[in-house]
Protein backbone atom coordinates (compact mmCIF):
# COMPACT_ATOMS: atom_id res chain seq x y z
CA UNK A 1 0.00 0.00 0.00
CA UNK A 2 2.92 2.33 0.66
CA UNK A 3 4.28 1.93 -2.84
CA UNK A 4 0.80 2.38 -4.32
CA UNK A 5 0.21 5.56 -2.33
CA UNK A 6 3.69 6.77 -3.27
CA UNK A 7 3.10 6.15 -6.96
CA UNK A 8 -0.16 8.09 -6.83
CA UNK A 9 1.54 10.96 -4.99
CA UNK A 10 4.29 11.02 -7.61
CA UNK A 11 1.67 11.30 -10.35
CA UNK A 12 -0.01 14.13 -8.44
CA UNK A 13 3.34 15.85 -8.01
CA UNK A 14 4.16 15.63 -11.70
CA UNK A 15 0.72 17.01 -12.52
CA UNK A 16 1.27 19.93 -10.15
CA UNK A 17 4.74 20.69 -11.51
CA UNK A 18 3.36 20.66 -15.05
CA UNK A 19 0.86 23.40 -14.03
CA UNK A 20 -2.05 21.18 -14.97
CA UNK A 21 -5.52 22.74 -14.99
CA UNK A 22 -6.77 19.91 -12.79
CA UNK A 23 -6.44 21.89 -9.56
CA UNK A 24 -8.52 24.76 -8.25
CA UNK A 25 -6.50 27.67 -6.93
CA UNK A 26 -7.64 30.09 -4.30
CA UNK A 27 -5.63 32.85 -2.66
CA UNK A 28 -7.91 32.86 0.41
CA UNK A 29 -6.66 29.56 1.80
CA UNK A 30 -4.39 29.51 4.87
CA UNK A 31 -1.95 26.96 3.43
CA UNK A 32 -1.71 28.53 0.00
CA UNK A 33 1.26 27.54 -2.15
CA UNK A 34 1.59 27.77 -5.89
CA UNK A 35 1.04 24.59 -7.91
CA UNK A 36 4.74 24.02 -8.48
CA UNK A 37 5.39 23.99 -4.73
CA UNK A 38 2.53 21.55 -4.18
CA UNK A 39 3.86 19.43 -7.04
CA UNK A 40 7.35 19.26 -5.58
CA UNK A 41 5.94 18.51 -2.12
CA UNK A 42 3.82 15.63 -3.43
CA UNK A 43 6.71 14.36 -5.55
CA UNK A 44 9.12 14.25 -2.59
CA UNK A 45 6.57 12.62 -0.29
CA UNK A 46 5.70 10.12 -3.04
CA UNK A 47 9.33 9.11 -3.54
CA UNK A 48 9.74 8.69 0.23
CA UNK A 49 6.59 6.54 0.35
CA UNK A 50 7.90 4.29 -2.41
CA UNK A 51 11.31 3.93 -0.73
CA UNK A 52 9.80 3.05 2.64
CA UNK A 53 7.29 0.73 0.97
CA UNK A 54 10.12 -1.20 -0.65
CA UNK A 55 11.94 -1.29 2.71
CA UNK A 56 8.88 -2.81 4.35
CA UNK A 57 8.61 -5.39 1.56
CA UNK A 58 12.21 -6.54 2.07
CA UNK A 59 11.77 -6.55 5.88
CA UNK A 60 14.26 -3.81 6.73
CA UNK A 61 14.25 -3.02 10.44
CA UNK A 62 13.68 0.69 9.87
CA UNK A 63 10.94 0.21 7.26
CA UNK A 64 7.86 0.12 9.48
CA UNK A 65 8.81 3.13 11.59
CA UNK A 66 9.89 5.22 8.62
CA UNK A 67 6.83 4.12 6.67
CA UNK A 68 4.52 5.20 9.48
CA UNK A 69 6.30 8.56 9.74
CA UNK A 70 6.14 9.21 6.00
CA UNK A 71 2.49 8.08 5.83
CA UNK A 72 1.70 10.55 8.63
CA UNK A 73 3.46 13.32 6.69
CA UNK A 74 1.51 12.32 3.60
CA UNK A 75 -1.73 12.43 5.61
CA UNK A 76 -0.96 15.98 6.74
CA UNK A 77 -0.05 17.18 3.26
CA UNK A 78 -3.20 15.62 1.81
CA UNK A 79 -5.28 17.34 4.49
CA UNK A 80 -3.72 20.67 3.53
CA UNK A 81 -4.43 19.89 -0.15
CA UNK A 82 -8.19 19.28 0.33
CA UNK A 83 -9.33 22.75 -0.91
CA UNK A 84 -7.38 22.30 -4.14
CA UNK A 85 -8.70 18.87 -5.12
CA UNK A 86 -10.95 17.19 -2.52
CA UNK A 87 -11.91 14.28 -4.79
CA UNK A 88 -8.26 13.24 -4.71
CA UNK A 89 -7.17 14.27 -1.23
CA UNK A 90 -9.92 12.58 0.77
CA UNK A 91 -9.40 9.05 -0.67
CA UNK A 92 -5.63 9.52 -0.30
CA UNK A 93 -6.12 10.50 3.35
CA UNK A 94 -8.15 7.32 3.83
CA UNK A 95 -5.36 5.28 2.24
CA UNK A 96 -2.77 6.97 4.47
CA UNK A 97 -4.85 6.18 7.56
CA UNK A 98 -5.08 2.52 6.52
CA UNK A 99 -1.31 2.46 6.02
CA UNK A 100 -0.77 3.96 9.47
CA UNK A 101 -3.10 1.38 11.00
CA UNK A 102 -1.33 -1.49 9.27
CA UNK A 103 2.17 -0.32 10.17
CA UNK A 104 1.49 0.53 13.80
CA UNK A 105 -0.35 -2.63 14.80
CA UNK A 106 1.44 -4.56 17.50
CA UNK A 107 2.26 -8.12 16.44
CA UNK A 108 2.80 -10.78 19.05
CA UNK A 109 4.70 -13.78 17.75
CA UNK A 110 4.85 -16.96 19.77
CA UNK A 111 7.33 -19.72 19.36
CA UNK A 112 5.06 -22.37 20.93
CA UNK A 113 2.70 -24.70 19.15
CA UNK A 114 -0.38 -22.75 20.27
C-alpha atoms as a PDB file:
ATOM      1  CA  UNK A   1       0.000   0.000   0.000  1.00  0.00           C
ATOM      2  CA  UNK A   2       2.918   2.334   0.658  1.00  0.00           C
ATOM      3  CA  UNK A   3       4.281   1.925  -2.839  1.00  0.00           C
ATOM      4  CA  UNK A   4       0.804   2.381  -4.321  1.00  0.00           C
ATOM      5  CA  UNK A   5       0.211   5.565  -2.335  1.00  0.00           C
ATOM      6  CA  UNK A   6       3.690   6.775  -3.268  1.00  0.00           C
ATOM      7  CA  UNK A   7       3.100   6.147  -6.955  1.00  0.00           C
ATOM      8  CA  UNK A   8      -0.163   8.091  -6.831  1.00  0.00           C
ATOM      9  CA  UNK A   9       1.540  10.958  -4.993  1.00  0.00           C
ATOM     10  CA  UNK A  10       4.293  11.022  -7.608  1.00  0.00           C
ATOM     11  CA  UNK A  11       1.668  11.301 -10.347  1.00  0.00           C
ATOM     12  CA  UNK A  12      -0.009  14.129  -8.445  1.00  0.00           C
ATOM     13  CA  UNK A  13       3.339  15.850  -8.006  1.00  0.00           C
ATOM     14  CA  UNK A  14       4.165  15.632 -11.700  1.00  0.00           C
ATOM     15  CA  UNK A  15       0.722  17.006 -12.516  1.00  0.00           C
ATOM     16  CA  UNK A  16       1.266  19.933 -10.153  1.00  0.00           C
ATOM     17  CA  UNK A  17       4.737  20.688 -11.506  1.00  0.00           C
ATOM     18  CA  UNK A  18       3.362  20.662 -15.050  1.00  0.00           C
ATOM     19  CA  UNK A  19       0.861  23.400 -14.032  1.00  0.00           C
ATOM     20  CA  UNK A  20      -2.050  21.181 -14.968  1.00  0.00           C
ATOM     21  CA  UNK A  21      -5.521  22.741 -14.995  1.00  0.00           C
ATOM     22  CA  UNK A  22      -6.769  19.911 -12.792  1.00  0.00           C
ATOM     23  CA  UNK A  23      -6.444  21.892  -9.559  1.00  0.00           C
ATOM     24  CA  UNK A  24      -8.520  24.764  -8.249  1.00  0.00           C
ATOM     25  CA  UNK A  25      -6.496  27.665  -6.927  1.00  0.00           C
ATOM     26  CA  UNK A  26      -7.645  30.094  -4.304  1.00  0.00           C
ATOM     27  CA  UNK A  27      -5.630  32.846  -2.663  1.00  0.00           C
ATOM     28  CA  UNK A  28      -7.906  32.863   0.411  1.00  0.00           C
ATOM     29  CA  UNK A  29      -6.656  29.560   1.802  1.00  0.00           C
ATOM     30  CA  UNK A  30      -4.393  29.507   4.865  1.00  0.00           C
ATOM     31  CA  UNK A  31      -1.954  26.962   3.435  1.00  0.00           C
ATOM     32  CA  UNK A  32      -1.707  28.535   0.004  1.00  0.00           C
ATOM     33  CA  UNK A  33       1.264  27.535  -2.152  1.00  0.00           C
ATOM     34  CA  UNK A  34       1.590  27.767  -5.894  1.00  0.00           C
ATOM     35  CA  UNK A  35       1.039  24.587  -7.906  1.00  0.00           C
ATOM     36  CA  UNK A  36       4.743  24.021  -8.482  1.00  0.00           C
ATOM     37  CA  UNK A  37       5.387  23.988  -4.730  1.00  0.00           C
ATOM     38  CA  UNK A  38       2.528  21.547  -4.180  1.00  0.00           C
ATOM     39  CA  UNK A  39       3.858  19.430  -7.037  1.00  0.00           C
ATOM     40  CA  UNK A  40       7.352  19.264  -5.579  1.00  0.00           C
ATOM     41  CA  UNK A  41       5.941  18.513  -2.124  1.00  0.00           C
ATOM     42  CA  UNK A  42       3.820  15.629  -3.434  1.00  0.00           C
ATOM     43  CA  UNK A  43       6.708  14.356  -5.546  1.00  0.00           C
ATOM     44  CA  UNK A  44       9.119  14.251  -2.593  1.00  0.00           C
ATOM     45  CA  UNK A  45       6.569  12.621  -0.288  1.00  0.00           C
ATOM     46  CA  UNK A  46       5.702  10.119  -3.036  1.00  0.00           C
ATOM     47  CA  UNK A  47       9.329   9.110  -3.535  1.00  0.00           C
ATOM     48  CA  UNK A  48       9.738   8.687   0.232  1.00  0.00           C
ATOM     49  CA  UNK A  49       6.592   6.544   0.352  1.00  0.00           C
ATOM     50  CA  UNK A  50       7.898   4.290  -2.414  1.00  0.00           C
ATOM     51  CA  UNK A  51      11.310   3.934  -0.730  1.00  0.00           C
ATOM     52  CA  UNK A  52       9.799   3.054   2.643  1.00  0.00           C
ATOM     53  CA  UNK A  53       7.290   0.729   0.974  1.00  0.00           C
ATOM     54  CA  UNK A  54      10.121  -1.197  -0.648  1.00  0.00           C
ATOM     55  CA  UNK A  55      11.936  -1.287   2.706  1.00  0.00           C
ATOM     56  CA  UNK A  56       8.876  -2.815   4.350  1.00  0.00           C
ATOM     57  CA  UNK A  57       8.613  -5.391   1.560  1.00  0.00           C
ATOM     58  CA  UNK A  58      12.214  -6.536   2.069  1.00  0.00           C
ATOM     59  CA  UNK A  59      11.772  -6.550   5.881  1.00  0.00           C
ATOM     60  CA  UNK A  60      14.256  -3.806   6.728  1.00  0.00           C
ATOM     61  CA  UNK A  61      14.249  -3.025  10.442  1.00  0.00           C
ATOM     62  CA  UNK A  62      13.679   0.694   9.869  1.00  0.00           C
ATOM     63  CA  UNK A  63      10.944   0.209   7.262  1.00  0.00           C
ATOM     64  CA  UNK A  64       7.863   0.122   9.483  1.00  0.00           C
ATOM     65  CA  UNK A  65       8.805   3.135  11.587  1.00  0.00           C
ATOM     66  CA  UNK A  66       9.894   5.217   8.619  1.00  0.00           C
ATOM     67  CA  UNK A  67       6.830   4.122   6.666  1.00  0.00           C
ATOM     68  CA  UNK A  68       4.522   5.200   9.482  1.00  0.00           C
ATOM     69  CA  UNK A  69       6.303   8.558   9.740  1.00  0.00           C
ATOM     70  CA  UNK A  70       6.140   9.213   5.995  1.00  0.00           C
ATOM     71  CA  UNK A  71       2.494   8.081   5.833  1.00  0.00           C
ATOM     72  CA  UNK A  72       1.700  10.551   8.634  1.00  0.00           C
ATOM     73  CA  UNK A  73       3.457  13.319   6.694  1.00  0.00           C
ATOM     74  CA  UNK A  74       1.513  12.320   3.599  1.00  0.00           C
ATOM     75  CA  UNK A  75      -1.726  12.429   5.607  1.00  0.00           C
ATOM     76  CA  UNK A  76      -0.959  15.981   6.742  1.00  0.00           C
ATOM     77  CA  UNK A  77      -0.052  17.178   3.256  1.00  0.00           C
ATOM     78  CA  UNK A  78      -3.199  15.620   1.805  1.00  0.00           C
ATOM     79  CA  UNK A  79      -5.277  17.339   4.490  1.00  0.00           C
ATOM     80  CA  UNK A  80      -3.721  20.669   3.529  1.00  0.00           C
ATOM     81  CA  UNK A  81      -4.426  19.888  -0.150  1.00  0.00           C
ATOM     82  CA  UNK A  82      -8.192  19.284   0.328  1.00  0.00           C
ATOM     83  CA  UNK A  83      -9.326  22.749  -0.907  1.00  0.00           C
ATOM     84  CA  UNK A  84      -7.384  22.300  -4.144  1.00  0.00           C
ATOM     85  CA  UNK A  85      -8.704  18.866  -5.119  1.00  0.00           C
ATOM     86  CA  UNK A  86     -10.947  17.186  -2.519  1.00  0.00           C
ATOM     87  CA  UNK A  87     -11.914  14.281  -4.788  1.00  0.00           C
ATOM     88  CA  UNK A  88      -8.264  13.241  -4.709  1.00  0.00           C
ATOM     89  CA  UNK A  89      -7.172  14.273  -1.232  1.00  0.00           C
ATOM     90  CA  UNK A  90      -9.924  12.578   0.774  1.00  0.00           C
ATOM     91  CA  UNK A  91      -9.395   9.051  -0.665  1.00  0.00           C
ATOM     92  CA  UNK A  92      -5.631   9.524  -0.299  1.00  0.00           C
ATOM     93  CA  UNK A  93      -6.119  10.504   3.350  1.00  0.00           C
ATOM     94  CA  UNK A  94      -8.148   7.322   3.832  1.00  0.00           C
ATOM     95  CA  UNK A  95      -5.362   5.279   2.239  1.00  0.00           C
ATOM     96  CA  UNK A  96      -2.769   6.967   4.471  1.00  0.00           C
ATOM     97  CA  UNK A  97      -4.855   6.175   7.558  1.00  0.00           C
ATOM     98  CA  UNK A  98      -5.082   2.515   6.516  1.00  0.00           C
ATOM     99  CA  UNK A  99      -1.313   2.462   6.018  1.00  0.00           C
ATOM    100  CA  UNK A 100      -0.768   3.960   9.469  1.00  0.00           C
ATOM    101  CA  UNK A 101      -3.095   1.384  11.000  1.00  0.00           C
ATOM    102  CA  UNK A 102      -1.327  -1.493   9.268  1.00  0.00           C
ATOM    103  CA  UNK A 103       2.173  -0.324  10.173  1.00  0.00           C
ATOM    104  CA  UNK A 104       1.494   0.533  13.801  1.00  0.00           C
ATOM    105  CA  UNK A 105      -0.347  -2.629  14.799  1.00  0.00           C
ATOM    106  CA  UNK A 106       1.437  -4.556  17.504  1.00  0.00           C
ATOM    107  CA  UNK A 107       2.262  -8.116  16.442  1.00  0.00           C
ATOM    108  CA  UNK A 108       2.800 -10.785  19.054  1.00  0.00           C
ATOM    109  CA  UNK A 109       4.697 -13.779  17.751  1.00  0.00           C
ATOM    110  CA  UNK A 110       4.854 -16.957  19.769  1.00  0.00           C
ATOM    111  CA  UNK A 111       7.333 -19.720  19.359  1.00  0.00           C
ATOM    112  CA  UNK A 112       5.059 -22.366  20.934  1.00  0.00           C
ATOM    113  CA  UNK A 113       2.701 -24.701  19.145  1.00  0.00           C
ATOM    114  CA  UNK A 114      -0.381 -22.749  20.267  1.00  0.00           C
END
